[in-house]
Amino acid sequence: MRDPDRGPGVVQARVQAKLGDFFQPSHLQVINESHMHSVPPGSESHFKVVLVAAAFAGQRKVQRHQQVYAVLSEEMQEAIHALALHTYTPEEWRDRTAAPASPQCLGGSKADT
């Protein structure tokens, strides 16, 4: 959720910096998808990450995701409610043009109950 003591994009910038520093990726996108969910305007709680790194070679998807969660453990406890991860090696990414599109949020808000 949005912290009034932080400006817009602060969580997104922290996520981008931490993942960039740790993985040294050949491609990194951190997309704030909070606007697609039932959250207040300006929220930074739902993100999509597309991360291409040589460090993922030989790892299963769950191992890659565990690494990302470990790097972002503080943000996951404090600010991030949902994190869609798309992790690739450079070889896997070479055959793609983009990560899968995110589905529309089907959840309602508390006002709907």
N, C-alpha and C. Protein backbone atom coordinates (compact mmCIF):
# COMPACT_ATOMS: atom_id res chain seq x y z
N MET A 1 0.83 -1.17 0.00
CA MET A 1 0.00 0.00 0.00
C MET A 1 0.88 1.25 0.00
N ARG A 2 0.31 2.36 -0.27
CA ARG A 2 1.09 3.60 -0.36
C ARG A 2 1.35 4.17 1.02
N ASP A 3 2.59 4.51 1.25
CA ASP A 3 3.02 5.14 2.49
C ASP A 3 3.05 6.64 2.23
N PRO A 4 2.30 7.45 2.99
CA PRO A 4 2.26 8.88 2.73
C PRO A 4 3.62 9.57 2.91
N ASP A 5 4.56 8.91 3.58
CA ASP A 5 5.89 9.50 3.77
C ASP A 5 6.81 9.25 2.58
N ARG A 6 6.33 8.49 1.62
CA ARG A 6 7.15 8.19 0.44
C ARG A 6 6.45 8.72 -0.79
N GLY A 7 7.22 9.20 -1.73
CA GLY A 7 6.65 9.71 -2.97
C GLY A 7 6.29 8.58 -3.91
N PRO A 8 5.60 8.93 -5.00
CA PRO A 8 5.21 7.90 -5.96
C PRO A 8 6.43 7.26 -6.61
N GLY A 9 6.37 5.97 -6.79
CA GLY A 9 7.44 5.24 -7.46
C GLY A 9 8.58 4.82 -6.58
N VAL A 10 8.53 5.09 -5.28
CA VAL A 10 9.65 4.77 -4.40
C VAL A 10 9.81 3.25 -4.24
N VAL A 11 8.72 2.54 -4.02
CA VAL A 11 8.81 1.09 -3.87
C VAL A 11 9.29 0.48 -5.18
N GLN A 12 8.73 0.92 -6.28
CA GLN A 12 9.12 0.42 -7.59
C GLN A 12 10.62 0.65 -7.82
N ALA A 13 11.12 1.81 -7.48
CA ALA A 13 12.54 2.13 -7.66
C ALA A 13 13.42 1.25 -6.77
N ARG A 14 12.97 1.00 -5.54
CA ARG A 14 13.74 0.12 -4.63
C ARG A 14 13.81 -1.29 -5.18
N VAL A 15 12.68 -1.79 -5.67
CA VAL A 15 12.65 -3.14 -6.24
C VAL A 15 13.60 -3.22 -7.43
N GLN A 16 13.52 -2.24 -8.31
CA GLN A 16 14.38 -2.21 -9.49
C GLN A 16 15.86 -2.18 -9.09
N ALA A 17 16.20 -1.34 -8.13
CA ALA A 17 17.60 -1.21 -7.71
C ALA A 17 18.11 -2.50 -7.06
N LYS A 18 17.32 -3.07 -6.17
CA LYS A 18 17.77 -4.29 -5.48
C LYS A 18 17.96 -5.45 -6.46
N LEU A 19 17.00 -5.64 -7.35
CA LEU A 19 17.12 -6.74 -8.32
C LEU A 19 18.27 -6.48 -9.28
N GLY A 20 18.42 -5.24 -9.72
CA GLY A 20 19.53 -4.91 -10.62
C GLY A 20 20.88 -5.13 -9.98
N ASP A 21 21.02 -4.70 -8.73
CA ASP A 21 22.29 -4.87 -8.02
C ASP A 21 22.63 -6.34 -7.79
N PHE A 22 21.63 -7.12 -7.39
CA PHE A 22 21.89 -8.51 -7.04
C PHE A 22 22.11 -9.39 -8.27
N PHE A 23 21.23 -9.28 -9.26
CA PHE A 23 21.26 -10.20 -10.40
C PHE A 23 22.09 -9.71 -11.58
N GLN A 24 22.38 -8.39 -11.66
CA GLN A 24 23.07 -7.85 -12.83
C GLN A 24 22.40 -8.36 -14.11
N PRO A 25 21.12 -8.11 -14.25
CA PRO A 25 20.35 -8.71 -15.36
C PRO A 25 20.67 -8.08 -16.72
N SER A 26 20.43 -8.87 -17.76
CA SER A 26 20.53 -8.33 -19.12
C SER A 26 19.23 -7.64 -19.51
N HIS A 27 18.16 -7.92 -18.79
CA HIS A 27 16.87 -7.25 -19.02
C HIS A 27 16.12 -7.25 -17.69
N LEU A 28 15.54 -6.10 -17.34
CA LEU A 28 14.77 -5.99 -16.11
C LEU A 28 13.65 -4.98 -16.32
N GLN A 29 12.43 -5.42 -16.04
CA GLN A 29 11.28 -4.53 -16.04
C GLN A 29 10.57 -4.73 -14.70
N VAL A 30 10.26 -3.64 -14.04
CA VAL A 30 9.46 -3.65 -12.83
C VAL A 30 8.26 -2.76 -13.12
N ILE A 31 7.09 -3.37 -13.20
CA ILE A 31 5.88 -2.67 -13.62
C ILE A 31 4.89 -2.62 -12.46
N ASN A 32 4.49 -1.42 -12.09
CA ASN A 32 3.50 -1.25 -11.04
C ASN A 32 2.12 -1.52 -11.65
N GLU A 33 1.49 -2.60 -11.24
CA GLU A 33 0.16 -2.97 -11.74
C GLU A 33 -0.93 -2.73 -10.70
N SER A 34 -0.62 -1.92 -9.71
CA SER A 34 -1.58 -1.66 -8.63
C SER A 34 -2.88 -1.07 -9.16
N HIS A 35 -2.79 -0.25 -10.20
CA HIS A 35 -3.99 0.38 -10.76
C HIS A 35 -5.00 -0.64 -11.29
N MET A 36 -4.56 -1.88 -11.51
CA MET A 36 -5.45 -2.94 -12.01
C MET A 36 -6.20 -3.64 -10.89
N HIS A 37 -6.01 -3.20 -9.66
CA HIS A 37 -6.57 -3.87 -8.49
C HIS A 37 -7.37 -2.89 -7.64
N SER A 38 -8.08 -3.42 -6.69
CA SER A 38 -8.92 -2.60 -5.81
C SER A 38 -8.09 -1.99 -4.69
N VAL A 39 -7.28 -1.01 -5.06
CA VAL A 39 -6.43 -0.32 -4.10
C VAL A 39 -6.56 1.19 -4.34
N PRO A 40 -6.20 2.00 -3.37
CA PRO A 40 -6.29 3.45 -3.56
C PRO A 40 -5.37 3.93 -4.68
N PRO A 41 -5.76 5.02 -5.35
CA PRO A 41 -4.89 5.60 -6.38
C PRO A 41 -3.51 5.90 -5.81
N GLY A 42 -2.48 5.67 -6.61
CA GLY A 42 -1.12 5.93 -6.19
C GLY A 42 -0.47 4.79 -5.40
N SER A 43 -1.18 3.68 -5.24
CA SER A 43 -0.64 2.55 -4.49
C SER A 43 0.54 1.92 -5.22
N GLU A 44 1.41 1.32 -4.43
CA GLU A 44 2.54 0.54 -4.95
C GLU A 44 2.54 -0.79 -4.22
N SER A 45 1.60 -1.64 -4.56
CA SER A 45 1.44 -2.89 -3.83
C SER A 45 1.41 -4.12 -4.73
N HIS A 46 1.18 -3.95 -6.02
CA HIS A 46 1.09 -5.05 -6.96
C HIS A 46 2.08 -4.79 -8.11
N PHE A 47 3.03 -5.71 -8.28
CA PHE A 47 4.06 -5.52 -9.30
C PHE A 47 4.21 -6.75 -10.18
N LYS A 48 4.65 -6.48 -11.39
CA LYS A 48 5.05 -7.52 -12.34
C LYS A 48 6.54 -7.29 -12.60
N VAL A 49 7.32 -8.35 -12.48
CA VAL A 49 8.76 -8.27 -12.70
C VAL A 49 9.13 -9.22 -13.83
N VAL A 50 9.84 -8.68 -14.81
CA VAL A 50 10.43 -9.49 -15.88
C VAL A 50 11.94 -9.38 -15.68
N LEU A 51 12.55 -10.50 -15.37
CA LEU A 51 13.97 -10.51 -14.97
C LEU A 51 14.72 -11.56 -15.79
N VAL A 52 15.71 -11.12 -16.54
CA VAL A 52 16.53 -12.00 -17.37
C VAL A 52 17.95 -11.95 -16.83
N ALA A 53 18.43 -13.10 -16.33
CA ALA A 53 19.75 -13.12 -15.71
C ALA A 53 20.45 -14.46 -15.94
N ALA A 54 21.72 -14.39 -16.17
CA ALA A 54 22.53 -15.60 -16.34
C ALA A 54 22.52 -16.45 -15.07
N ALA A 55 22.30 -15.81 -13.92
CA ALA A 55 22.27 -16.53 -12.64
C ALA A 55 21.19 -17.59 -12.59
N PHE A 56 20.19 -17.51 -13.46
CA PHE A 56 19.10 -18.48 -13.45
C PHE A 56 19.41 -19.77 -14.21
N ALA A 57 20.54 -19.84 -14.87
CA ALA A 57 20.90 -21.03 -15.64
C ALA A 57 20.92 -22.26 -14.73
N GLY A 58 20.25 -23.31 -15.18
CA GLY A 58 20.23 -24.57 -14.44
C GLY A 58 19.26 -24.59 -13.27
N GLN A 59 18.50 -23.54 -13.07
CA GLN A 59 17.56 -23.48 -11.94
C GLN A 59 16.13 -23.68 -12.41
N ARG A 60 15.35 -24.36 -11.58
CA ARG A 60 13.91 -24.49 -11.82
C ARG A 60 13.25 -23.17 -11.48
N LYS A 61 12.04 -23.01 -11.97
CA LYS A 61 11.29 -21.76 -11.75
C LYS A 61 11.16 -21.46 -10.26
N VAL A 62 10.88 -22.46 -9.45
CA VAL A 62 10.70 -22.21 -8.01
C VAL A 62 11.99 -21.71 -7.37
N GLN A 63 13.13 -22.20 -7.80
CA GLN A 63 14.41 -21.74 -7.26
C GLN A 63 14.67 -20.29 -7.65
N ARG A 64 14.31 -19.93 -8.86
CA ARG A 64 14.47 -18.55 -9.32
C ARG A 64 13.60 -17.62 -8.48
N HIS A 65 12.35 -18.02 -8.28
CA HIS A 65 11.42 -17.20 -7.52
C HIS A 65 11.87 -17.06 -6.07
N GLN A 66 12.38 -18.13 -5.50
CA GLN A 66 12.88 -18.06 -4.12
C GLN A 66 14.01 -17.06 -3.99
N GLN A 67 14.88 -17.00 -4.99
CA GLN A 67 15.97 -16.03 -4.97
C GLN A 67 15.43 -14.60 -5.00
N VAL A 68 14.46 -14.36 -5.86
CA VAL A 68 13.88 -13.01 -5.95
C VAL A 68 13.21 -12.64 -4.64
N TYR A 69 12.43 -13.57 -4.07
CA TYR A 69 11.76 -13.30 -2.79
C TYR A 69 12.79 -13.00 -1.70
N ALA A 70 13.91 -13.70 -1.69
CA ALA A 70 14.94 -13.45 -0.68
C ALA A 70 15.52 -12.03 -0.83
N VAL A 71 15.77 -11.62 -2.06
CA VAL A 71 16.32 -10.28 -2.30
C VAL A 71 15.31 -9.20 -1.87
N LEU A 72 14.02 -9.48 -2.09
CA LEU A 72 12.98 -8.49 -1.79
C LEU A 72 12.23 -8.79 -0.49
N SER A 73 12.86 -9.50 0.43
CA SER A 73 12.16 -9.93 1.65
C SER A 73 11.59 -8.75 2.44
N GLU A 74 12.33 -7.68 2.55
CA GLU A 74 11.85 -6.51 3.30
C GLU A 74 10.63 -5.88 2.62
N GLU A 75 10.70 -5.72 1.31
CA GLU A 75 9.58 -5.14 0.57
C GLU A 75 8.35 -6.05 0.61
N MET A 76 8.58 -7.36 0.59
CA MET A 76 7.45 -8.30 0.65
C MET A 76 6.75 -8.24 2.00
N GLN A 77 7.47 -7.95 3.06
CA GLN A 77 6.86 -7.85 4.39
C GLN A 77 6.18 -6.52 4.61
N GLU A 78 6.69 -5.46 3.96
CA GLU A 78 6.21 -4.12 4.27
C GLU A 78 5.29 -3.51 3.22
N ALA A 79 5.60 -3.68 1.96
CA ALA A 79 4.92 -2.88 0.95
C ALA A 79 4.22 -3.68 -0.14
N ILE A 80 4.79 -4.80 -0.54
CA ILE A 80 4.27 -5.53 -1.69
C ILE A 80 3.24 -6.56 -1.27
N HIS A 81 2.08 -6.48 -1.89
CA HIS A 81 1.00 -7.43 -1.64
C HIS A 81 1.04 -8.57 -2.65
N ALA A 82 1.39 -8.26 -3.90
CA ALA A 82 1.41 -9.27 -4.96
C ALA A 82 2.59 -9.00 -5.89
N LEU A 83 3.24 -10.10 -6.31
CA LEU A 83 4.41 -9.99 -7.16
C LEU A 83 4.32 -11.08 -8.23
N ALA A 84 4.10 -10.69 -9.46
CA ALA A 84 4.09 -11.63 -10.59
C ALA A 84 5.51 -11.70 -11.14
N LEU A 85 6.09 -12.88 -11.11
CA LEU A 85 7.48 -13.04 -11.53
C LEU A 85 7.57 -13.79 -12.85
N HIS A 86 8.36 -13.24 -13.75
CA HIS A 86 8.66 -13.87 -15.03
C HIS A 86 10.18 -13.86 -15.13
N THR A 87 10.79 -15.01 -14.86
CA THR A 87 12.25 -15.11 -14.77
C THR A 87 12.78 -15.99 -15.90
N TYR A 88 13.83 -15.51 -16.56
CA TYR A 88 14.38 -16.20 -17.71
C TYR A 88 15.90 -16.13 -17.71
N THR A 89 16.52 -17.12 -18.35
CA THR A 89 17.93 -17.01 -18.68
C THR A 89 18.01 -16.18 -19.97
N PRO A 90 19.18 -15.66 -20.30
CA PRO A 90 19.30 -14.94 -21.57
C PRO A 90 18.90 -15.79 -22.78
N GLU A 91 19.22 -17.08 -22.74
CA GLU A 91 18.86 -17.98 -23.85
C GLU A 91 17.34 -18.15 -23.96
N GLU A 92 16.67 -18.27 -22.83
CA GLU A 92 15.21 -18.40 -22.84
C GLU A 92 14.55 -17.11 -23.34
N TRP A 93 15.10 -15.98 -22.95
CA TRP A 93 14.52 -14.68 -23.31
C TRP A 93 14.72 -14.37 -24.80
N ARG A 94 15.79 -14.87 -25.37
CA ARG A 94 16.13 -14.59 -26.77
C ARG A 94 14.98 -14.96 -27.72
N ASP A 95 14.22 -16.01 -27.37
CA ASP A 95 13.13 -16.47 -28.22
C ASP A 95 11.80 -15.77 -27.94
N ARG A 96 11.79 -14.83 -27.01
CA ARG A 96 10.55 -14.13 -26.62
C ARG A 96 10.60 -12.69 -27.09
N THR A 97 9.43 -12.11 -27.20
CA THR A 97 9.36 -10.68 -27.48
C THR A 97 8.89 -9.92 -26.25
N ALA A 98 8.21 -10.62 -25.35
CA ALA A 98 7.70 -9.99 -24.12
C ALA A 98 7.27 -11.06 -23.15
N ALA A 99 7.08 -10.67 -21.91
CA ALA A 99 6.54 -11.57 -20.89
C ALA A 99 5.03 -11.68 -21.09
N PRO A 100 4.40 -12.72 -20.55
CA PRO A 100 2.95 -12.85 -20.67
C PRO A 100 2.22 -11.65 -20.08
N ALA A 101 1.10 -11.33 -20.69
CA ALA A 101 0.27 -10.23 -20.18
C ALA A 101 -0.35 -10.64 -18.85
N SER A 102 -0.56 -9.68 -18.00
CA SER A 102 -1.19 -9.94 -16.71
C SER A 102 -2.70 -10.01 -16.87
N PRO A 103 -3.35 -10.93 -16.16
CA PRO A 103 -4.79 -11.02 -16.24
C PRO A 103 -5.44 -9.86 -15.49
N GLN A 104 -6.67 -9.55 -15.84
CA GLN A 104 -7.42 -8.53 -15.12
C GLN A 104 -7.75 -9.06 -13.72
N CYS A 105 -7.75 -8.19 -12.75
CA CYS A 105 -8.09 -8.55 -11.39
C CYS A 105 -9.58 -8.90 -11.33
N LEU A 106 -9.88 -10.06 -10.77
CA LEU A 106 -11.28 -10.47 -10.63
C LEU A 106 -11.79 -10.29 -9.21
N GLY A 107 -10.91 -9.84 -8.32
CA GLY A 107 -11.28 -9.64 -6.93
C GLY A 107 -12.08 -8.36 -6.75
N GLY A 108 -12.91 -8.37 -5.76
CA GLY A 108 -13.70 -7.17 -5.46
C GLY A 108 -13.05 -6.38 -4.35
N SER A 109 -13.64 -5.26 -4.06
CA SER A 109 -13.15 -4.45 -2.97
C SER A 109 -13.99 -4.72 -1.73
N LYS A 110 -13.55 -4.22 -0.61
CA LYS A 110 -14.31 -4.41 0.63
C LYS A 110 -15.68 -3.77 0.52
N ALA A 111 -15.80 -2.76 -0.32
CA ALA A 111 -17.09 -2.07 -0.50
C ALA A 111 -18.11 -2.96 -1.19
N ASP A 112 -17.63 -4.01 -1.89
CA ASP A 112 -18.52 -4.90 -2.61
C ASP A 112 -19.16 -5.96 -1.72
N THR A 113 -18.66 -6.11 -0.50
CA THR A 113 -19.17 -7.17 0.38
C THR A 113 -20.33 -6.70 1.22
